[in-house]
Amino acid sequence: MARQNFPDLDFEVVQRGHGGAIWLVAILGGALGVLLGVVIALVVTFLIGMPSAIKLWAVAAGLVVSASVGVFFGVYPARKAAKLDPIVALRFET
């Protein structure tokens, strides 16, 4: 059986190449969530007739939490996979 050669990907190379994409997806997801929350708040305000206020700190906190979660769950698996030996990783592939 012939052994295939797989290029080794260093985590830093992956981080430099796709780090911007990770941040972009995290921020866009957070912005979409904030926009959806504002729309829902405005619809509920319109339907029940009570005034509501959207605080800037809540919007900022939502974006920060969203970006942090997105970056963590984007980088952590990539770092863990980059540390694996490719042959061992392929052996347990299902």
Foldseek 3Di string as FASTA:
>chain_A
DDDDDDDQDALVNVCVVCVVVLQVVLQVVLVVVVVVVVVVVVVVCVVVVPDDDDDPVVSVVSNVVSSVVSNCVVSVVSNVVSPDDVVVVVVPDD
